[in-house]
Amino acid sequence: MIEHRRRFFANWKRSTAKLARYCLACGLLCIQPGAAQQIPIVNPPGQDKKPAQPLEIERVEIHGRMALPSNITRPAGPFVLLLVNETGNPKASFVVRPAGTATATLVFDAHTPEVRRRKAGLLDLHKGQYELAAVDSEHVLCTITIK
């Protein structure tokens, strides 16, 4: 049983890192211009090179009309939002938006790159409250609070 858990965690960690590298390296993020800032991956020439800070990953599993965790509270700064689609519908679309508005900050849809039902997007949100919602039903699955 312990060996199974070790293999599962190693495979999960490897596929999560692979997805994050793929999305960041190719720039295949569904971020609307002006709504969120994309973090530059490479320092422009001529600037002092600072050590790169690792990006934090927030993982959300979506099961039907609920998500685990249902609330995320984090400090301001860039992070990768990793969605694991366990709804059974591979074409399900999700959106991150400021609470109470219809303007999308990040869209996870059929065009978002995917590895084993996992989709990732880079976010750098300002202080406030945001919602992760299903596009088809407008049902709020998770609340993201940036302090």
Protein backbone atom coordinates (compact mmCIF):
# COMPACT_ATOMS: atom_id res chain seq x y z
CA MET A 1 0.00 0.00 0.00
CA ILE A 2 2.81 2.41 0.88
CA GLU A 3 4.64 1.61 -2.36
CA HIS A 4 1.43 2.33 -4.32
CA ARG A 5 1.11 5.73 -2.61
CA ARG A 6 4.74 6.56 -3.37
CA ARG A 7 4.32 5.68 -7.06
CA PHE A 8 1.03 7.62 -7.27
CA PHE A 9 2.57 10.72 -5.67
CA ALA A 10 5.69 10.50 -7.88
CA ASN A 11 3.54 10.20 -11.04
CA TRP A 12 1.23 13.05 -9.91
CA LYS A 13 4.18 15.29 -9.10
CA ARG A 14 5.88 14.51 -12.44
CA SER A 15 2.73 15.13 -14.54
CA THR A 16 1.90 18.34 -12.63
CA ALA A 17 5.40 19.71 -13.16
CA LYS A 18 5.31 18.66 -16.84
CA LEU A 19 2.00 20.46 -17.40
CA ALA A 20 3.18 23.64 -15.66
CA ARG A 21 6.44 23.68 -17.68
CA TYR A 22 4.56 23.02 -20.93
CA CYS A 23 2.04 25.82 -20.37
CA LEU A 24 4.64 28.33 -19.20
CA ALA A 25 7.22 27.52 -21.88
CA CYS A 26 4.80 27.58 -24.79
CA GLY A 27 2.82 30.54 -23.50
CA LEU A 28 -0.39 28.61 -24.09
CA LEU A 29 -2.35 30.36 -21.40
CA CYS A 30 -5.90 31.57 -21.86
CA ILE A 31 -5.41 34.92 -20.16
CA GLN A 32 -7.32 37.84 -21.56
CA PRO A 33 -5.10 40.85 -22.25
CA GLY A 34 -5.25 43.44 -19.51
CA ALA A 35 -7.18 41.24 -17.11
CA ALA A 36 -4.16 39.50 -15.62
CA GLN A 37 -0.44 40.01 -15.94
CA GLN A 38 1.60 37.19 -17.49
CA ILE A 39 4.86 36.78 -15.63
CA PRO A 40 7.93 36.91 -17.92
CA ILE A 41 9.74 33.59 -17.97
CA VAL A 42 13.16 34.87 -19.03
CA ASN A 43 14.87 38.00 -17.72
CA PRO A 44 15.34 40.56 -20.51
CA PRO A 45 19.00 41.07 -21.53
CA GLY A 46 20.86 43.84 -19.80
CA GLN A 47 19.06 43.53 -16.48
CA ASP A 48 20.68 42.13 -13.37
CA LYS A 49 19.78 38.49 -13.11
CA LYS A 50 17.96 37.73 -9.90
CA PRO A 51 17.39 34.18 -8.74
CA ALA A 52 14.02 32.98 -10.01
CA GLN A 53 11.48 32.39 -7.30
CA PRO A 54 9.55 29.15 -7.63
CA LEU A 55 5.89 29.49 -8.56
CA GLU A 56 3.34 28.16 -6.12
CA ILE A 57 0.68 25.79 -7.42
CA GLU A 58 -2.89 25.77 -6.15
CA ARG A 59 -4.61 22.48 -7.06
CA VAL A 60 -8.40 22.29 -7.36
CA GLU A 61 -10.29 19.05 -8.09
CA ILE A 62 -13.68 19.53 -9.71
CA HIS A 63 -16.32 16.86 -9.08
CA GLY A 64 -19.69 17.63 -10.67
CA ARG A 65 -21.12 20.68 -8.90
CA MET A 66 -18.43 20.95 -6.22
CA ALA A 67 -14.70 21.57 -5.99
CA LEU A 68 -12.08 20.57 -3.45
CA PRO A 69 -11.01 22.85 -1.84
CA SER A 70 -14.02 25.14 -1.97
CA ASN A 71 -12.04 28.15 -0.68
CA ILE A 72 -8.46 29.27 -1.35
CA THR A 73 -6.86 32.12 0.60
CA ARG A 74 -3.41 33.26 -0.45
CA PRO A 75 -1.16 36.32 -0.57
CA ALA A 76 -0.86 38.48 -3.67
CA GLY A 77 1.66 37.30 -6.24
CA PRO A 78 1.88 34.96 -9.19
CA PHE A 79 0.73 31.36 -8.90
CA VAL A 80 -0.35 28.48 -11.12
CA LEU A 81 -3.96 27.35 -10.81
CA LEU A 82 -4.13 23.63 -11.62
CA LEU A 83 -7.61 22.25 -12.32
CA VAL A 84 -8.25 18.51 -12.21
CA ASN A 85 -11.44 17.78 -14.16
CA GLU A 86 -13.17 14.83 -12.48
CA THR A 87 -16.62 15.71 -13.84
CA GLY A 88 -16.58 13.01 -16.50
CA ASN A 89 -17.07 15.65 -19.20
CA PRO A 90 -13.75 16.27 -21.00
CA LYS A 91 -15.22 19.33 -22.75
CA ALA A 92 -16.29 21.07 -19.53
CA SER A 93 -15.21 24.72 -19.40
CA PHE A 94 -14.35 26.78 -16.32
CA VAL A 95 -13.67 30.45 -15.72
CA VAL A 96 -11.89 32.52 -13.06
CA ARG A 97 -13.44 35.97 -12.62
CA PRO A 98 -13.71 38.71 -10.00
CA ALA A 99 -16.60 38.01 -7.62
CA GLY A 100 -19.91 39.41 -8.85
CA THR A 101 -18.79 40.19 -12.40
CA ALA A 102 -19.03 38.43 -15.74
CA THR A 103 -15.58 39.53 -16.98
CA ALA A 104 -13.31 36.50 -17.19
CA THR A 105 -9.73 36.72 -15.95
CA LEU A 106 -8.78 33.18 -17.00
CA VAL A 107 -10.69 30.63 -19.08
CA PHE A 108 -10.14 26.87 -19.03
CA ASP A 109 -11.88 25.45 -22.13
CA ALA A 110 -11.38 22.87 -24.89
CA HIS A 111 -8.46 24.91 -26.30
CA THR A 112 -6.50 24.92 -23.03
CA PRO A 113 -3.63 22.38 -23.08
CA GLU A 114 -4.35 19.34 -20.95
CA VAL A 115 -2.39 16.45 -19.45
CA ARG A 116 -4.45 13.62 -17.91
CA ARG A 117 -7.55 15.76 -17.22
CA ARG A 118 -5.35 18.48 -15.69
CA LYS A 119 -5.30 22.04 -17.00
CA ALA A 120 -3.11 24.85 -15.68
CA GLY A 121 -3.10 28.61 -15.95
CA LEU A 122 -0.83 31.32 -14.62
CA LEU A 123 -2.49 34.03 -12.52
CA ASP A 124 -1.23 37.22 -10.87
CA LEU A 125 -4.33 38.62 -9.21
CA HIS A 126 -4.77 41.86 -7.26
CA LYS A 127 -6.25 41.93 -3.76
CA GLY A 128 -9.88 40.91 -3.70
CA GLN A 129 -12.20 37.98 -4.11
CA TYR A 130 -12.45 35.82 -7.23
CA GLU A 131 -14.67 32.92 -8.29
CA LEU A 132 -13.93 29.70 -10.14
CA ALA A 133 -17.16 28.83 -11.94
CA ALA A 134 -18.49 26.38 -14.51
CA VAL A 135 -19.18 28.18 -17.79
CA ASP A 136 -22.28 26.19 -18.75
CA SER A 137 -24.17 26.55 -15.44
CA GLU A 138 -22.53 29.71 -13.98
CA HIS A 139 -22.31 27.71 -10.71
CA VAL A 140 -19.50 28.96 -8.44
CA LEU A 141 -17.26 26.01 -7.53
CA CYS A 142 -14.47 27.68 -5.57
CA THR A 143 -13.76 31.10 -4.06
CA ILE A 144 -10.24 32.53 -4.29
CA THR A 145 -9.35 35.28 -1.81
CA ILE A 146 -6.19 37.32 -2.39
CA LYS A 147 -4.97 39.24 0.69
